[in-house]
N, C-alpha and C. Protein backbone atom coordinates (compact mmCIF):
# COMPACT_ATOMS: atom_id res chain seq x y z
N MET A 1 -41.56 20.36 61.92
CA MET A 1 -41.29 19.93 60.33
C MET A 1 -40.87 21.10 59.73
N ALA A 2 -41.96 22.24 59.73
CA ALA A 2 -41.80 23.28 59.08
C ALA A 2 -40.60 24.30 59.53
N GLU A 3 -40.55 23.84 60.83
CA GLU A 3 -39.19 24.73 60.95
C GLU A 3 -37.77 24.47 60.29
N ALA A 4 -37.91 22.52 60.28
CA ALA A 4 -36.75 22.16 59.68
C ALA A 4 -36.83 22.70 58.06
N ARG A 5 -38.08 23.13 57.45
CA ARG A 5 -37.87 23.53 56.10
C ARG A 5 -36.98 24.79 56.00
N LYS A 6 -37.63 25.78 56.67
CA LYS A 6 -37.11 26.93 57.09
C LYS A 6 -35.81 26.90 57.34
N LEU A 7 -34.94 26.47 57.78
CA LEU A 7 -33.75 25.87 58.04
C LEU A 7 -32.86 25.79 56.92
N ALA A 8 -33.55 24.54 56.08
CA ALA A 8 -32.95 24.18 55.05
C ALA A 8 -33.18 25.01 53.76
N ALA A 9 -33.93 26.22 53.63
CA ALA A 9 -33.81 26.92 52.93
C ALA A 9 -32.81 27.71 52.40
N VAL A 10 -32.36 28.24 51.05
CA VAL A 10 -31.14 28.48 50.78
C VAL A 10 -31.34 30.04 50.42
N THR A 11 -30.82 30.31 50.86
CA THR A 11 -30.99 32.21 50.65
C THR A 11 -30.11 32.39 49.47
N ARG A 12 -31.02 33.06 48.38
CA ARG A 12 -30.58 33.31 47.12
C ARG A 12 -30.17 35.10 47.48
N PRO A 13 -29.19 35.41 46.59
CA PRO A 13 -28.96 36.74 46.79
C PRO A 13 -30.44 37.72 45.66
N ALA A 14 -30.68 38.78 46.19
CA ALA A 14 -31.45 39.80 45.17
C ALA A 14 -31.22 39.78 43.90
N VAL A 15 -31.79 39.47 43.15
CA VAL A 15 -31.51 40.09 41.55
C VAL A 15 -31.36 41.75 41.65
N ASP A 16 -30.31 41.79 40.76
CA ASP A 16 -30.18 43.27 40.88
C ASP A 16 -30.61 43.83 39.18
N TYR A 17 -31.69 44.14 39.00
CA TYR A 17 -32.59 44.11 38.15
C TYR A 17 -31.74 45.72 37.43
N THR A 18 -30.83 46.28 38.21
CA THR A 18 -30.24 47.59 37.33
C THR A 18 -28.78 46.99 36.85
N SER A 19 -28.57 45.74 36.85
CA SER A 19 -27.51 45.28 35.98
C SER A 19 -27.76 44.85 34.73
N ARG A 20 -27.01 45.77 33.65
CA ARG A 20 -27.46 45.56 32.38
C ARG A 20 -27.00 43.68 32.13
N SER A 21 -26.25 43.03 32.69
CA SER A 21 -26.03 41.74 32.56
C SER A 21 -26.92 40.69 32.74
N TYR A 22 -27.96 41.18 33.86
CA TYR A 22 -29.16 40.77 34.11
C TYR A 22 -30.07 40.78 33.13
N TRP A 23 -30.31 41.98 32.29
CA TRP A 23 -31.27 42.10 31.42
C TRP A 23 -30.65 41.47 30.14
N ALA A 24 -29.20 41.26 29.81
CA ALA A 24 -28.84 41.05 28.79
C ALA A 24 -29.03 39.17 28.79
N GLY A 25 -28.83 38.63 29.77
CA GLY A 25 -28.81 37.31 30.02
C GLY A 25 -30.56 37.18 29.81
N THR A 26 -31.74 37.75 30.34
CA THR A 26 -32.98 37.30 30.12
C THR A 26 -33.08 37.41 28.76
N ILE A 27 -33.06 38.29 28.23
CA ILE A 27 -33.37 38.52 26.57
C ILE A 27 -32.58 37.57 25.64
N LYS A 28 -31.31 36.98 25.86
CA LYS A 28 -30.69 36.15 25.21
C LYS A 28 -31.47 34.84 25.18
N MET A 29 -31.95 34.74 26.49
CA MET A 29 -32.55 33.19 26.86
C MET A 29 -33.65 33.25 26.10
N SER A 30 -34.33 34.39 26.10
CA SER A 30 -35.73 34.40 25.53
C SER A 30 -35.66 34.42 23.87
N LEU A 31 -34.65 34.80 23.81
CA LEU A 31 -34.20 34.95 21.94
C LEU A 31 -33.88 33.58 21.25
N SER A 32 -33.19 32.93 21.98
CA SER A 32 -32.61 32.03 21.68
C SER A 32 -33.62 30.94 20.74
N LYS A 33 -34.61 30.47 21.48
CA LYS A 33 -35.40 29.74 20.65
C LYS A 33 -36.06 30.23 19.49
N PHE A 34 -35.99 31.36 19.43
CA PHE A 34 -36.54 32.33 18.20
C PHE A 34 -35.52 32.22 17.32
N PHE A 35 -34.18 32.54 17.61
CA PHE A 35 -33.19 32.70 16.53
C PHE A 35 -32.99 31.14 15.98
N ILE A 36 -32.72 30.09 16.74
CA ILE A 36 -32.63 28.75 16.36
C ILE A 36 -33.85 28.42 15.15
N LEU A 37 -35.18 29.06 15.25
CA LEU A 37 -36.32 28.87 14.43
C LEU A 37 -35.83 29.64 13.32
N ARG A 38 -35.31 30.72 13.36
CA ARG A 38 -34.99 31.55 12.21
C ARG A 38 -33.39 31.25 11.35
N VAL A 39 -32.70 30.41 11.86
CA VAL A 39 -31.78 29.89 11.34
C VAL A 39 -32.17 28.70 10.47
N LEU A 40 -32.59 28.02 11.00
CA LEU A 40 -33.44 26.73 10.88
C LEU A 40 -34.34 27.22 9.65
N HIS A 41 -34.90 28.14 9.76
CA HIS A 41 -35.89 28.86 8.37
C HIS A 41 -35.23 29.06 7.10
N ASP A 42 -33.59 29.22 7.16
CA ASP A 42 -33.26 29.31 5.66
C ASP A 42 -32.41 27.90 5.34
N ARG A 43 -32.20 26.90 6.08
CA ARG A 43 -32.05 25.89 5.54
C ARG A 43 -31.63 24.59 6.94
N PRO A 44 -31.52 23.26 6.24
CA PRO A 44 -31.19 22.34 7.30
C PRO A 44 -30.25 22.50 7.97
N MET A 45 -29.54 22.51 8.99
CA MET A 45 -28.25 22.44 9.73
C MET A 45 -27.90 21.36 10.82
N HIS A 46 -26.77 21.19 10.88
CA HIS A 46 -26.35 20.28 12.11
C HIS A 46 -26.40 21.22 13.53
N GLY A 47 -26.26 20.89 14.66
CA GLY A 47 -26.20 21.64 15.79
C GLY A 47 -25.00 22.67 15.93
N TYR A 48 -23.89 22.52 15.58
CA TYR A 48 -22.70 23.31 15.78
C TYR A 48 -22.80 24.29 14.80
N ASP A 49 -23.40 23.74 13.63
CA ASP A 49 -23.94 24.87 12.50
C ASP A 49 -24.77 25.66 12.77
N ILE A 50 -25.90 25.52 13.69
CA ILE A 50 -26.91 26.09 14.07
C ILE A 50 -26.49 27.13 15.21
N ALA A 51 -25.44 27.00 16.15
CA ALA A 51 -25.02 27.80 17.27
C ALA A 51 -24.09 28.76 16.23
N ARG A 52 -23.24 28.69 15.76
CA ARG A 52 -22.82 29.63 14.36
C ARG A 52 -23.34 30.33 13.73
N ALA A 53 -24.36 30.01 13.17
CA ALA A 53 -25.55 30.49 12.51
C ALA A 53 -26.26 31.64 12.92
N VAL A 54 -26.53 31.18 14.43
CA VAL A 54 -27.31 32.19 15.26
C VAL A 54 -26.35 33.29 15.70
N GLU A 55 -25.11 33.03 16.06
CA GLU A 55 -24.04 33.89 16.43
C GLU A 55 -23.86 35.11 15.37
N LEU A 56 -24.02 34.35 14.06
CA LEU A 56 -23.60 35.28 12.79
C LEU A 56 -25.19 36.49 12.83
N THR A 57 -25.95 35.77 12.93
CA THR A 57 -27.23 36.48 12.56
C THR A 57 -27.59 37.45 13.24
N THR A 58 -27.14 37.42 14.46
CA THR A 58 -27.29 38.42 15.74
C THR A 58 -25.95 39.17 16.12
N ASN A 59 -25.15 38.97 15.40
CA ASN A 59 -23.74 39.78 15.27
C ASN A 59 -23.17 39.60 16.61
N GLY A 60 -23.38 38.36 17.17
CA GLY A 60 -22.75 38.12 18.27
C GLY A 60 -23.67 38.61 19.67
N CYS A 61 -24.62 39.21 19.46
CA CYS A 61 -25.64 39.16 20.33
C CYS A 61 -25.89 37.66 21.16
N CYS A 62 -25.94 36.65 20.72
CA CYS A 62 -26.73 35.45 20.92
C CYS A 62 -25.51 34.56 20.66
N SER A 63 -25.06 34.05 21.84
CA SER A 63 -23.74 33.16 21.16
C SER A 63 -24.51 31.57 21.92
N PRO A 64 -25.35 30.95 21.70
CA PRO A 64 -25.99 29.87 21.82
C PRO A 64 -24.58 28.73 22.46
N THR A 65 -24.82 28.37 23.25
CA THR A 65 -23.73 26.69 23.76
C THR A 65 -24.69 25.33 23.31
N GLU A 66 -24.01 24.36 23.35
CA GLU A 66 -24.61 23.34 22.91
C GLU A 66 -25.42 22.97 24.11
N GLY A 67 -25.34 23.37 25.52
CA GLY A 67 -26.14 23.24 26.50
C GLY A 67 -27.19 23.87 26.30
N THR A 68 -27.64 24.72 25.54
CA THR A 68 -28.46 25.65 25.10
C THR A 68 -29.40 25.43 24.13
N ILE A 69 -28.36 24.79 23.06
CA ILE A 69 -29.39 24.52 21.81
C ILE A 69 -29.80 23.04 21.69
N TYR A 70 -28.92 21.77 22.20
CA TYR A 70 -29.83 20.42 22.16
C TYR A 70 -31.02 20.37 22.94
N PRO A 71 -30.90 20.88 23.87
CA PRO A 71 -32.38 20.86 24.61
C PRO A 71 -33.34 21.24 23.75
N VAL A 72 -33.29 22.39 23.51
CA VAL A 72 -33.97 23.23 22.49
C VAL A 72 -34.45 22.52 21.28
N LEU A 73 -33.82 21.88 20.70
CA LEU A 73 -33.85 21.30 19.62
C LEU A 73 -34.70 20.03 19.76
N ARG A 74 -34.49 19.27 20.99
CA ARG A 74 -35.09 18.29 21.25
C ARG A 74 -36.57 18.42 21.52
N GLU A 75 -36.83 19.54 22.18
CA GLU A 75 -38.35 19.90 22.49
C GLU A 75 -39.19 20.44 21.56
N PHE A 76 -38.13 21.07 20.18
CA PHE A 76 -38.54 21.32 18.77
C PHE A 76 -39.29 19.88 18.40
N GLU A 77 -38.36 19.08 18.55
CA GLU A 77 -38.40 17.81 17.96
C GLU A 77 -39.60 17.11 18.65
N GLU A 78 -39.76 16.90 19.54
CA GLU A 78 -40.69 16.28 20.46
C GLU A 78 -42.06 17.23 20.13
N GLY A 79 -42.22 18.33 19.99
CA GLY A 79 -43.27 19.41 19.97
C GLY A 79 -43.82 19.22 18.02
N GLY A 80 -42.76 18.52 17.44
CA GLY A 80 -43.27 18.30 15.72
C GLY A 80 -42.71 19.78 14.61
N TYR A 81 -41.89 20.44 15.63
CA TYR A 81 -41.88 21.53 14.90
C TYR A 81 -40.43 21.45 13.91
N VAL A 82 -39.73 20.60 14.03
CA VAL A 82 -38.36 20.11 13.27
C VAL A 82 -38.31 18.32 13.21
N THR A 83 -37.50 18.12 12.04
CA THR A 83 -37.72 16.76 11.87
C THR A 83 -36.01 16.36 12.29
N VAL A 84 -35.29 15.25 12.35
CA VAL A 84 -34.01 15.14 12.28
C VAL A 84 -33.83 13.87 11.93
N GLU A 85 -32.47 13.86 10.88
CA GLU A 85 -32.07 12.97 10.05
C GLU A 85 -30.81 12.42 10.82
N SER A 86 -30.32 11.47 10.91
CA SER A 86 -28.91 11.10 11.33
C SER A 86 -28.85 10.52 10.49
N SER A 87 -27.26 10.83 10.63
CA SER A 87 -25.94 10.32 9.44
C SER A 87 -24.55 10.18 10.13
N VAL A 88 -23.96 9.42 9.63
CA VAL A 88 -22.32 9.34 9.72
C VAL A 88 -21.62 10.10 8.81
N VAL A 89 -20.62 11.24 9.36
CA VAL A 89 -19.97 11.91 8.43
C VAL A 89 -18.56 11.60 9.23
N SER A 90 -17.80 11.23 8.55
CA SER A 90 -16.59 11.04 8.97
C SER A 90 -15.95 10.25 10.12
N GLY A 91 -17.13 9.52 10.12
CA GLY A 91 -17.37 8.59 11.34
C GLY A 91 -17.88 9.07 12.46
N ARG A 92 -18.41 9.94 12.53
CA ARG A 92 -19.17 10.56 13.45
C ARG A 92 -20.56 10.78 13.56
N PRO A 93 -21.22 10.40 14.16
CA PRO A 93 -22.46 10.49 14.22
C PRO A 93 -23.21 12.09 13.89
N ARG A 94 -24.10 12.14 13.40
CA ARG A 94 -24.54 13.68 13.14
C ARG A 94 -25.73 13.97 12.90
N LYS A 95 -26.68 14.88 13.50
CA LYS A 95 -27.93 15.04 12.81
C LYS A 95 -27.79 16.14 12.73
N THR A 96 -29.25 16.07 11.60
CA THR A 96 -29.57 17.27 10.55
C THR A 96 -31.04 17.93 10.90
N TYR A 97 -31.31 18.80 11.48
CA TYR A 97 -32.19 19.51 11.99
C TYR A 97 -33.30 19.94 10.92
N THR A 98 -34.55 20.21 10.32
CA THR A 98 -35.21 20.50 9.39
C THR A 98 -36.44 21.58 9.93
N LEU A 99 -36.74 22.44 9.60
CA LEU A 99 -37.87 23.13 9.83
C LEU A 99 -38.79 22.48 9.52
N THR A 100 -40.27 22.08 10.34
CA THR A 100 -41.41 21.63 9.49
C THR A 100 -42.43 22.74 9.02
N GLY A 101 -43.49 22.28 8.49
CA GLY A 101 -44.59 23.34 8.62
C GLY A 101 -44.94 24.10 9.59
N LYS A 102 -44.93 22.92 10.80
CA LYS A 102 -45.49 23.55 12.02
C LYS A 102 -44.37 24.63 12.56
N GLY A 103 -43.15 24.27 12.23
CA GLY A 103 -42.00 24.81 12.55
C GLY A 103 -41.97 26.38 12.06
N ARG A 104 -42.30 26.05 10.66
CA ARG A 104 -42.37 27.52 10.14
C ARG A 104 -43.58 28.54 10.30
N GLU A 105 -44.59 27.67 10.80
CA GLU A 105 -45.49 28.65 11.35
C GLU A 105 -45.38 29.26 12.47
N ALA A 106 -44.51 28.74 13.38
CA ALA A 106 -44.24 28.95 14.94
C ALA A 106 -42.91 30.12 14.61
N PHE A 107 -42.13 29.94 13.60
CA PHE A 107 -41.39 31.26 13.34
C PHE A 107 -42.32 32.38 13.01
N LYS A 108 -43.12 31.96 12.40
CA LYS A 108 -44.04 33.44 11.82
C LYS A 108 -44.67 34.00 12.89
N VAL A 109 -44.98 33.14 13.76
CA VAL A 109 -45.96 33.72 14.92
C VAL A 109 -44.77 34.56 15.58
N GLY A 110 -43.68 33.77 15.61
CA GLY A 110 -42.73 34.50 16.80
C GLY A 110 -42.30 35.89 16.55
N VAL A 111 -41.91 35.97 14.87
CA VAL A 111 -41.76 37.05 14.17
C VAL A 111 -42.73 38.54 14.59
N GLU A 112 -43.82 37.96 14.23
CA GLU A 112 -44.80 38.92 14.84
C GLU A 112 -45.23 39.28 16.32
N ALA A 113 -44.77 38.30 16.99
CA ALA A 113 -44.77 38.96 18.45
C ALA A 113 -43.57 39.71 18.56
N TRP A 114 -42.51 39.36 18.37
CA TRP A 114 -41.16 39.98 18.68
C TRP A 114 -41.43 41.45 18.16
N LEU A 115 -42.14 41.58 16.88
CA LEU A 115 -42.30 43.14 16.25
C LEU A 115 -43.14 43.75 16.86
N GLU A 116 -44.29 43.01 17.81
CA GLU A 116 -45.07 43.83 18.60
C GLU A 116 -44.31 44.47 20.02
N VAL A 117 -43.72 43.71 20.37
CA VAL A 117 -42.80 43.96 21.39
C VAL A 117 -41.69 45.33 21.22
N THR A 118 -40.65 44.73 19.95
CA THR A 118 -40.01 46.07 19.25
C THR A 118 -40.77 47.20 19.56
N ARG A 119 -41.76 47.03 18.93
CA ARG A 119 -42.95 48.73 18.46
C ARG A 119 -42.78 49.23 20.31
N ALA A 120 -43.33 48.43 21.15
CA ALA A 120 -43.51 48.75 22.39
C ALA A 120 -42.19 49.29 22.95
N LEU A 121 -40.77 48.88 22.63
CA LEU A 121 -39.74 48.94 23.22
C LEU A 121 -39.42 50.70 22.56
N THR A 122 -39.69 50.64 21.45
CA THR A 122 -39.72 51.81 20.54
C THR A 122 -39.82 53.19 21.23
N GLU A 123 -41.17 52.82 21.33
CA GLU A 123 -42.30 53.91 22.04
C GLU A 123 -41.49 54.14 23.44
N THR A 124 -41.13 53.11 24.20
CA THR A 124 -40.35 53.37 25.23
C THR A 124 -39.22 54.43 25.36
N GLU A 125 -38.45 53.96 24.54
CA GLU A 125 -37.45 54.82 23.98
C GLU A 125 -37.48 56.14 24.11
N SER A 126 -38.71 56.85 23.38
CA SER A 126 -39.11 58.28 23.51
C SER A 126 -39.29 58.11 24.51
N VAL A 127 -39.69 57.94 25.82
CA VAL A 127 -40.43 57.96 26.89
C VAL A 127 -38.76 58.34 27.76
N ILE A 128 -38.33 57.30 27.78
CA ILE A 128 -36.69 57.65 28.23
C ILE A 128 -36.10 58.83 27.67
N ALA A 129 -36.29 59.10 26.39
CA ALA A 129 -35.14 60.37 25.72
C ALA A 129 -35.86 61.78 26.23
N ARG A 130 -37.24 61.61 26.48
CA ARG A 130 -38.02 62.65 26.71
C ARG A 130 -37.45 63.06 28.54
N GLU A 131 -37.35 62.08 29.06
CA GLU A 131 -36.77 62.19 30.54
C GLU A 131 -35.68 62.85 30.60
N SER A 132 -34.54 62.12 29.45
CA SER A 132 -33.19 62.64 29.64
C SER A 132 -33.29 64.15 29.15
N SER A 133 -34.14 64.35 28.34
CA SER A 133 -33.75 65.90 27.92
C SER A 133 -34.51 66.92 28.91
N GLY A 134 -35.10 66.20 29.72
CA GLY A 134 -35.96 67.47 30.88
C GLY A 134 -37.61 67.50 30.71
N GLY A 135 -38.06 66.79 29.84
CA GLY A 135 -39.41 66.39 29.64
C GLY A 135 -39.63 67.32 28.42
N CYS A 136 -41.36 67.38 28.36
CA CYS A 136 -41.80 68.10 27.25
C CYS A 136 -41.45 69.73 27.13
N CYS A 137 -41.36 70.29 28.12
CA CYS A 137 -41.39 71.58 28.10
C CYS A 137 -39.70 72.12 28.66
N GLY A 138 -38.78 71.15 28.92
CA GLY A 138 -37.66 71.26 29.80
C GLY A 138 -36.38 71.93 28.86
C-alpha cells in the first residue's frame, strides 16, 4: 500500500526562490487581505469596486481578481469583519460590503504588523547595500 502511494505521488518542480515573480506572488497573496480591509476602511463598496480601489491604492502592485476577492470577503463576513447588504441595481443583484468595528480593529492591527515588517525590511536593505558596496571598509 505504501508503495502504491509512492507511485501515485505527483512530483512538483522545485520552487525557484531566486525568481522575482515567486516573491512578488507571495507578497501579493499576503497583502490582498490587508488591502481589502484598507479600501473598505474608506467606505462601503461592491466587490468590483473593491478590486479597482485596491489596484489604485497600490499603484497597480496588487490587482486582485474576483477569484481572490470573493473568498476573502466571505471569510471576513463569517468572521464578523464586514457586513453585507444585498440590493438590486439595474436588474442585477449587488452586495455592498461594510467594515464592522471588528474589521476596523483588524485593519489597525494589520497596519501595525506591516509597519513592523517594513522596518525590518528597511534595515535589511541597508545590509544588502553594504554587501554591494564591498562592506564597511571596502
